[in-house]
Amino acid sequence: MELERERGTSHPQSVAGNVSQHDMGLVRFDGKRHGANEGWGRAGRRTRNREGRSTIDSFMQAAIDEARQGLAEGGIPIGSVIVSDGQIIGRGHNRRVQQGSVTLHGEMDAFENAGRRTAAFYRRSVLYTTLSPCPMCAGAILLYGIPKVIVGENRTFMGEEALLRSRGVEVEVLQDETCIGLMRRFIAERTELWNEDIGEPS
């Protein structure tokens, strides 16, 4: 699917011109405006490209791009995007290291970059994240009433998926090998930093 840049404000950490990874504006992936629930049946699922190879959808790919950007900046490779009406309205990656922040996990950064929104707006949105959400990020998902969360993987870290499901949130886990590989390498190389990120003693 081709990306179409609709509104152009660049991410503070962006590389100029790379719209698919770093554009903070609204992005459409098929040139059309979707209804609130259109495409949800396919959201996050693997599809087949013209060569018959398995691919993930564009929204999870955008979250993976964010995770890779975070790693390139010296941070933790976790990315997230928030999608509403078929458009990315907020994207982010873990920036605790880069910003010296205690709260900027990937999902929290995506919420921050989505900006001020009404509860009704979030209740028709989907949050994509490359890693199972921690208690802090799960709390934000519940607070703003996000009805569906698509998780890249939970093999390296199991977050609060049970809590989300118990509160009526639909959680879909892809077990994507790219997401798993990014986290396994990072945890092996930067164990102390990873433990800090999830509140575990080193």
C-alpha atoms as a PDB file:
ATOM      1  CA  MET A   1       0.000   0.000   0.000  1.00  0.00           C
ATOM      2  CA  GLU A   2       1.258   3.471  -0.742  1.00  0.00           C
ATOM      3  CA  LEU A   3       1.545   6.117   1.894  1.00  0.00           C
ATOM      4  CA  GLU A   4       0.011   9.486   1.270  1.00  0.00           C
ATOM      5  CA  ARG A   5       1.185  12.447   3.292  1.00  0.00           C
ATOM      6  CA  GLU A   6      -1.773  14.612   4.192  1.00  0.00           C
ATOM      7  CA  ARG A   7      -0.434  16.978   6.779  1.00  0.00           C
ATOM      8  CA  GLY A   8       3.226  17.678   7.275  1.00  0.00           C
ATOM      9  CA  THR A   9       4.676  18.319  10.690  1.00  0.00           C
ATOM     10  CA  SER A  10       7.880  16.446  11.263  1.00  0.00           C
ATOM     11  CA  HIS A  11       8.750  14.349  14.288  1.00  0.00           C
ATOM     12  CA  PRO A  12      11.341  16.103  16.485  1.00  0.00           C
ATOM     13  CA  GLN A  13      13.704  13.163  16.005  1.00  0.00           C
ATOM     14  CA  SER A  14      12.880  12.556  12.365  1.00  0.00           C
ATOM     15  CA  VAL A  15      14.989  12.100   9.292  1.00  0.00           C
ATOM     16  CA  ALA A  16      13.673  14.557   6.734  1.00  0.00           C
ATOM     17  CA  GLY A  17      11.665  13.083   3.932  1.00  0.00           C
ATOM     18  CA  ASN A  18      11.034   9.663   5.440  1.00  0.00           C
ATOM     19  CA  VAL A  19       7.268   9.975   5.695  1.00  0.00           C
ATOM     20  CA  SER A  20       6.476   6.343   6.427  1.00  0.00           C
ATOM     21  CA  GLN A  21       8.557   6.331   9.597  1.00  0.00           C
ATOM     22  CA  HIS A  22       8.559   9.817  10.941  1.00  0.00           C
ATOM     23  CA  ASP A  23       5.706  11.970   9.679  1.00  0.00           C
ATOM     24  CA  MET A  24       3.610  13.220  12.578  1.00  0.00           C
ATOM     25  CA  GLY A  25       0.721  14.247  10.357  1.00  0.00           C
ATOM     26  CA  LEU A  26      -2.278  12.150   9.482  1.00  0.00           C
ATOM     27  CA  VAL A  27      -1.334   9.329   7.156  1.00  0.00           C
ATOM     28  CA  ARG A  28      -3.663   7.392   4.891  1.00  0.00           C
ATOM     29  CA  PHE A  29      -2.580   4.039   3.623  1.00  0.00           C
ATOM     30  CA  ASP A  30      -5.009   3.530   0.749  1.00  0.00           C
ATOM     31  CA  GLY A  31      -6.004   7.030  -0.284  1.00  0.00           C
ATOM     32  CA  LYS A  32      -9.489   6.698   1.265  1.00  0.00           C
ATOM     33  CA  ARG A  33     -11.050   7.657   4.543  1.00  0.00           C
ATOM     34  CA  HIS A  34     -12.264   4.589   6.406  1.00  0.00           C
ATOM     35  CA  GLY A  35     -15.262   4.423   8.680  1.00  0.00           C
ATOM     36  CA  ALA A  36     -14.670   3.881  12.379  1.00  0.00           C
ATOM     37  CA  ASN A  37     -14.719   0.095  12.152  1.00  0.00           C
ATOM     38  CA  GLU A  38     -13.609  -0.544   8.591  1.00  0.00           C
ATOM     39  CA  GLY A  39     -10.548  -2.738   8.252  1.00  0.00           C
ATOM     40  CA  TRP A  40     -10.610  -3.899  11.868  1.00  0.00           C
ATOM     41  CA  GLY A  41     -11.076  -7.502  10.784  1.00  0.00           C
ATOM     42  CA  ARG A  42      -7.724  -7.325   8.986  1.00  0.00           C
ATOM     43  CA  ALA A  43      -5.973  -5.035  11.432  1.00  0.00           C
ATOM     44  CA  GLY A  44      -2.629  -6.363  12.522  1.00  0.00           C
ATOM     45  CA  ARG A  45      -3.006  -9.622  10.652  1.00  0.00           C
ATOM     46  CA  ARG A  46      -0.439 -11.019   8.278  1.00  0.00           C
ATOM     47  CA  THR A  47      -1.272 -10.784   4.598  1.00  0.00           C
ATOM     48  CA  ARG A  48       0.414 -12.012   1.434  1.00  0.00           C
ATOM     49  CA  ASN A  49       2.254  -9.785  -0.981  1.00  0.00           C
ATOM     50  CA  ARG A  50       2.419 -10.335  -4.743  1.00  0.00           C
ATOM     51  CA  GLU A  51       5.290 -12.790  -4.346  1.00  0.00           C
ATOM     52  CA  GLY A  52       3.243 -14.806  -1.851  1.00  0.00           C
ATOM     53  CA  ARG A  53       5.450 -13.922   1.123  1.00  0.00           C
ATOM     54  CA  SER A  54       3.985 -13.106   4.522  1.00  0.00           C
ATOM     55  CA  THR A  55       3.869  -9.430   5.481  1.00  0.00           C
ATOM     56  CA  ILE A  56       2.395  -7.485   8.383  1.00  0.00           C
ATOM     57  CA  ASP A  57       0.020  -4.619   7.854  1.00  0.00           C
ATOM     58  CA  SER A  58       1.168  -1.035   7.398  1.00  0.00           C
ATOM     59  CA  PHE A  59       0.136   0.132  10.859  1.00  0.00           C
ATOM     60  CA  MET A  60       2.224  -2.468  12.708  1.00  0.00           C
ATOM     61  CA  GLN A  61       5.052  -1.756  10.282  1.00  0.00           C
ATOM     62  CA  ALA A  62       4.845   1.907  11.307  1.00  0.00           C
ATOM     63  CA  ALA A  63       5.171   0.840  14.973  1.00  0.00           C
ATOM     64  CA  ILE A  64       8.214  -1.287  14.068  1.00  0.00           C
ATOM     65  CA  ASP A  65       9.739   1.680  12.244  1.00  0.00           C
ATOM     66  CA  GLU A  66       9.293   3.715  15.427  1.00  0.00           C
ATOM     67  CA  ALA A  67      10.963   0.977  17.486  1.00  0.00           C
ATOM     68  CA  ARG A  68      13.931   0.956  15.131  1.00  0.00           C
ATOM     69  CA  GLN A  69      14.192   4.731  15.336  1.00  0.00           C
ATOM     70  CA  GLY A  70      14.300   4.500  19.129  1.00  0.00           C
ATOM     71  CA  LEU A  71      17.116   1.964  18.940  1.00  0.00           C
ATOM     72  CA  ALA A  72      19.050   4.169  16.501  1.00  0.00           C
ATOM     73  CA  GLU A  73      18.756   7.041  18.990  1.00  0.00           C
ATOM     74  CA  GLY A  74      20.305   4.929  21.744  1.00  0.00           C
ATOM     75  CA  GLY A  75      17.009   4.053  23.388  1.00  0.00           C
ATOM     76  CA  ILE A  76      14.833   0.981  23.848  1.00  0.00           C
ATOM     77  CA  PRO A  77      13.339  -0.510  20.648  1.00  0.00           C
ATOM     78  CA  ILE A  78       9.607  -0.289  21.393  1.00  0.00           C
ATOM     79  CA  GLY A  79       7.261   1.602  19.091  1.00  0.00           C
ATOM     80  CA  SER A  80       3.566   2.381  18.967  1.00  0.00           C
ATOM     81  CA  VAL A  81       0.972   4.055  16.771  1.00  0.00           C
ATOM     82  CA  ILE A  82      -2.626   5.049  17.440  1.00  0.00           C
ATOM     83  CA  VAL A  83      -5.034   4.652  14.509  1.00  0.00           C
ATOM     84  CA  SER A  84      -8.459   6.245  14.201  1.00  0.00           C
ATOM     85  CA  ASP A  85     -10.756   6.240  11.185  1.00  0.00           C
ATOM     86  CA  GLY A  86      -8.094   4.469   9.135  1.00  0.00           C
ATOM     87  CA  GLN A  87      -5.406   7.081   9.880  1.00  0.00           C
ATOM     88  CA  ILE A  88      -2.384   7.250  12.156  1.00  0.00           C
ATOM     89  CA  ILE A  89      -3.121  10.120  14.527  1.00  0.00           C
ATOM     90  CA  GLY A  90      -0.236   9.565  16.952  1.00  0.00           C
ATOM     91  CA  ARG A  91       3.033   7.703  16.777  1.00  0.00           C
ATOM     92  CA  GLY A  92       5.888   7.318  19.201  1.00  0.00           C
ATOM     93  CA  HIS A  93       8.723   5.219  20.558  1.00  0.00           C
ATOM     94  CA  ASN A  94      10.317   4.656  23.930  1.00  0.00           C
ATOM     95  CA  ARG A  95      12.270   7.836  24.701  1.00  0.00           C
ATOM     96  CA  ARG A  96      13.079   7.436  28.389  1.00  0.00           C
ATOM     97  CA  VAL A  97      16.807   7.451  27.677  1.00  0.00           C
ATOM     98  CA  GLN A  98      16.749  10.176  25.033  1.00  0.00           C
ATOM     99  CA  GLN A  99      14.582  12.556  27.083  1.00  0.00           C
ATOM    100  CA  GLY A 100      15.669  11.512  30.581  1.00  0.00           C
ATOM    101  CA  SER A 101      12.016  10.684  31.179  1.00  0.00           C
ATOM    102  CA  VAL A 102      10.414   8.342  33.668  1.00  0.00           C
ATOM    103  CA  THR A 103       7.202   7.853  31.653  1.00  0.00           C
ATOM    104  CA  LEU A 104       7.912   8.026  27.915  1.00  0.00           C
ATOM    105  CA  HIS A 105       7.307   4.429  26.934  1.00  0.00           C
ATOM    106  CA  GLY A 106       6.359   3.892  23.302  1.00  0.00           C
ATOM    107  CA  GLU A 107       2.622   3.916  23.957  1.00  0.00           C
ATOM    108  CA  MET A 108       2.825   6.990  26.191  1.00  0.00           C
ATOM    109  CA  ASP A 109       4.828   8.822  23.518  1.00  0.00           C
ATOM    110  CA  ALA A 110       2.170   7.947  20.935  1.00  0.00           C
ATOM    111  CA  PHE A 111      -0.565   9.294  23.233  1.00  0.00           C
ATOM    112  CA  GLU A 112       1.444  12.464  23.808  1.00  0.00           C
ATOM    113  CA  ASN A 113       1.972  12.988  20.094  1.00  0.00           C
ATOM    114  CA  ALA A 114      -1.703  12.336  19.334  1.00  0.00           C
ATOM    115  CA  GLY A 115      -2.436  15.409  21.407  1.00  0.00           C
ATOM    116  CA  ARG A 116      -5.566  16.367  23.238  1.00  0.00           C
ATOM    117  CA  ARG A 117      -8.533  14.271  22.072  1.00  0.00           C
ATOM    118  CA  THR A 118     -12.032  13.568  23.319  1.00  0.00           C
ATOM    119  CA  ALA A 119     -12.993  10.293  24.971  1.00  0.00           C
ATOM    120  CA  ALA A 120     -15.355   9.579  22.060  1.00  0.00           C
ATOM    121  CA  PHE A 121     -12.444   9.908  19.656  1.00  0.00           C
ATOM    122  CA  TYR A 122     -10.291   7.368  21.502  1.00  0.00           C
ATOM    123  CA  ARG A 123     -13.215   4.954  21.785  1.00  0.00           C
ATOM    124  CA  ARG A 124     -13.089   4.384  18.036  1.00  0.00           C
ATOM    125  CA  SER A 125      -9.309   4.004  17.889  1.00  0.00           C
ATOM    126  CA  VAL A 126      -6.877   1.085  17.767  1.00  0.00           C
ATOM    127  CA  LEU A 127      -3.477   1.125  19.454  1.00  0.00           C
ATOM    128  CA  TYR A 128      -0.611  -0.816  17.909  1.00  0.00           C
ATOM    129  CA  THR A 129       2.475  -1.575  19.987  1.00  0.00           C
ATOM    130  CA  THR A 130       5.495  -3.728  19.235  1.00  0.00           C
ATOM    131  CA  LEU A 131       5.583  -5.114  22.799  1.00  0.00           C
ATOM    132  CA  SER A 132       2.963  -6.182  25.340  1.00  0.00           C
ATOM    133  CA  PRO A 133       1.899  -3.063  27.324  1.00  0.00           C
ATOM    134  CA  CYS A 134       3.284  -2.539  30.832  1.00  0.00           C
ATOM    135  CA  PRO A 135       0.999  -1.531  33.754  1.00  0.00           C
ATOM    136  CA  MET A 136       1.519   2.186  33.092  1.00  0.00           C
ATOM    137  CA  CYS A 137       0.644   1.968  29.402  1.00  0.00           C
ATOM    138  CA  ALA A 138      -2.243  -0.424  30.045  1.00  0.00           C
ATOM    139  CA  GLY A 139      -3.614   2.138  32.496  1.00  0.00           C
ATOM    140  CA  ALA A 140      -3.558   4.847  29.827  1.00  0.00           C
ATOM    141  CA  ILE A 141      -5.310   2.498  27.382  1.00  0.00           C
ATOM    142  CA  LEU A 142      -8.052   1.887  29.950  1.00  0.00           C
ATOM    143  CA  LEU A 143      -8.292   5.526  30.997  1.00  0.00           C
ATOM    144  CA  TYR A 144      -8.975   6.713  27.463  1.00  0.00           C
ATOM    145  CA  GLY A 145     -11.149   3.768  26.488  1.00  0.00           C
ATOM    146  CA  ILE A 146      -9.116   2.341  23.619  1.00  0.00           C
ATOM    147  CA  PRO A 147     -11.221  -0.677  22.581  1.00  0.00           C
ATOM    148  CA  LYS A 148      -8.594  -2.679  20.685  1.00  0.00           C
ATOM    149  CA  VAL A 149      -4.839  -3.220  21.100  1.00  0.00           C
ATOM    150  CA  ILE A 150      -2.660  -5.063  18.602  1.00  0.00           C
ATOM    151  CA  VAL A 151       0.588  -6.333  20.112  1.00  0.00           C
ATOM    152  CA  GLY A 152       3.674  -7.229  18.109  1.00  0.00           C
ATOM    153  CA  GLU A 153       4.859  -9.839  20.613  1.00  0.00           C
ATOM    154  CA  ASN A 154       4.707 -10.924  24.247  1.00  0.00           C
ATOM    155  CA  ARG A 155       7.383 -13.629  24.349  1.00  0.00           C
ATOM    156  CA  THR A 156      10.140 -11.381  25.670  1.00  0.00           C
ATOM    157  CA  PHE A 157       7.810  -9.525  28.060  1.00  0.00           C
ATOM    158  CA  MET A 158       4.257 -10.269  29.133  1.00  0.00           C
ATOM    159  CA  GLY A 159       2.496  -7.076  30.121  1.00  0.00           C
ATOM    160  CA  GLU A 160      -1.015  -6.445  31.411  1.00  0.00           C
ATOM    161  CA  GLU A 161      -2.932  -8.200  28.659  1.00  0.00           C
ATOM    162  CA  ALA A 162      -5.104 -10.094  31.155  1.00  0.00           C
ATOM    163  CA  LEU A 163      -6.098  -6.824  32.823  1.00  0.00           C
ATOM    164  CA  LEU A 164      -6.992  -5.255  29.491  1.00  0.00           C
ATOM    165  CA  ARG A 165      -9.095  -8.240  28.472  1.00  0.00           C
ATOM    166  CA  SER A 166     -10.828  -8.293  31.855  1.00  0.00           C
ATOM    167  CA  ARG A 167     -11.935  -4.715  31.200  1.00  0.00           C
ATOM    168  CA  GLY A 168     -13.343  -5.503  27.767  1.00  0.00           C
ATOM    169  CA  VAL A 169     -10.378  -4.503  25.585  1.00  0.00           C
ATOM    170  CA  GLU A 170      -9.794  -6.722  22.566  1.00  0.00           C
ATOM    171  CA  VAL A 171      -6.117  -7.751  22.534  1.00  0.00           C
ATOM    172  CA  GLU A 172      -4.558  -9.423  19.503  1.00  0.00           C
ATOM    173  CA  VAL A 173      -0.974 -10.734  19.675  1.00  0.00           C
ATOM    174  CA  LEU A 174       0.950 -11.308  16.439  1.00  0.00           C
ATOM    175  CA  GLN A 175       4.187 -12.907  17.726  1.00  0.00           C
ATOM    176  CA  ASP A 176       6.002 -11.068  14.959  1.00  0.00           C
ATOM    177  CA  GLU A 177       9.571 -12.303  14.515  1.00  0.00           C
ATOM    178  CA  THR A 178      10.938  -8.816  13.826  1.00  0.00           C
ATOM    179  CA  CYS A 179       9.536  -7.494  17.107  1.00  0.00           C
ATOM    180  CA  ILE A 180      10.824 -10.539  18.993  1.00  0.00           C
ATOM    181  CA  GLY A 181      14.286 -10.236  17.466  1.00  0.00           C
ATOM    182  CA  LEU A 182      14.605  -6.527  18.267  1.00  0.00           C
ATOM    183  CA  MET A 183      13.789  -7.095  21.936  1.00  0.00           C
ATOM    184  CA  ARG A 184      15.838 -10.268  22.404  1.00  0.00           C
ATOM    185  CA  ARG A 185      18.970  -8.608  21.076  1.00  0.00           C
ATOM    186  CA  PHE A 186      18.388  -5.484  23.119  1.00  0.00           C
ATOM    187  CA  ILE A 187      17.694  -7.326  26.382  1.00  0.00           C
ATOM    188  CA  ALA A 188      20.818  -9.484  25.918  1.00  0.00           C
ATOM    189  CA  GLU A 189      23.023  -6.452  25.241  1.00  0.00           C
ATOM    190  CA  ARG A 190      21.465  -3.902  27.629  1.00  0.00           C
ATOM    191  CA  THR A 191      19.993  -5.939  30.478  1.00  0.00           C
ATOM    192  CA  GLU A 192      20.451  -3.235  33.100  1.00  0.00           C
ATOM    193  CA  LEU A 193      18.690  -0.600  30.999  1.00  0.00           C
ATOM    194  CA  TRP A 194      15.850  -2.983  30.212  1.00  0.00           C
ATOM    195  CA  ASN A 195      15.350  -3.790  33.899  1.00  0.00           C
ATOM    196  CA  GLU A 196      15.214  -0.057  34.621  1.00  0.00           C
ATOM    197  CA  ASP A 197      12.536   0.393  31.961  1.00  0.00           C
ATOM    198  CA  ILE A 198      10.212  -2.221  33.501  1.00  0.00           C
ATOM    199  CA  GLY A 199      10.923  -1.299  37.109  1.00  0.00           C
ATOM    200  CA  GLU A 200      12.989  -4.392  37.955  1.00  0.00           C
ATOM    201  CA  PRO A 201      16.086  -4.241  40.189  1.00  0.00           C
ATOM    202  CA  SER A 202      19.314  -4.845  38.291  1.00  0.00           C
END
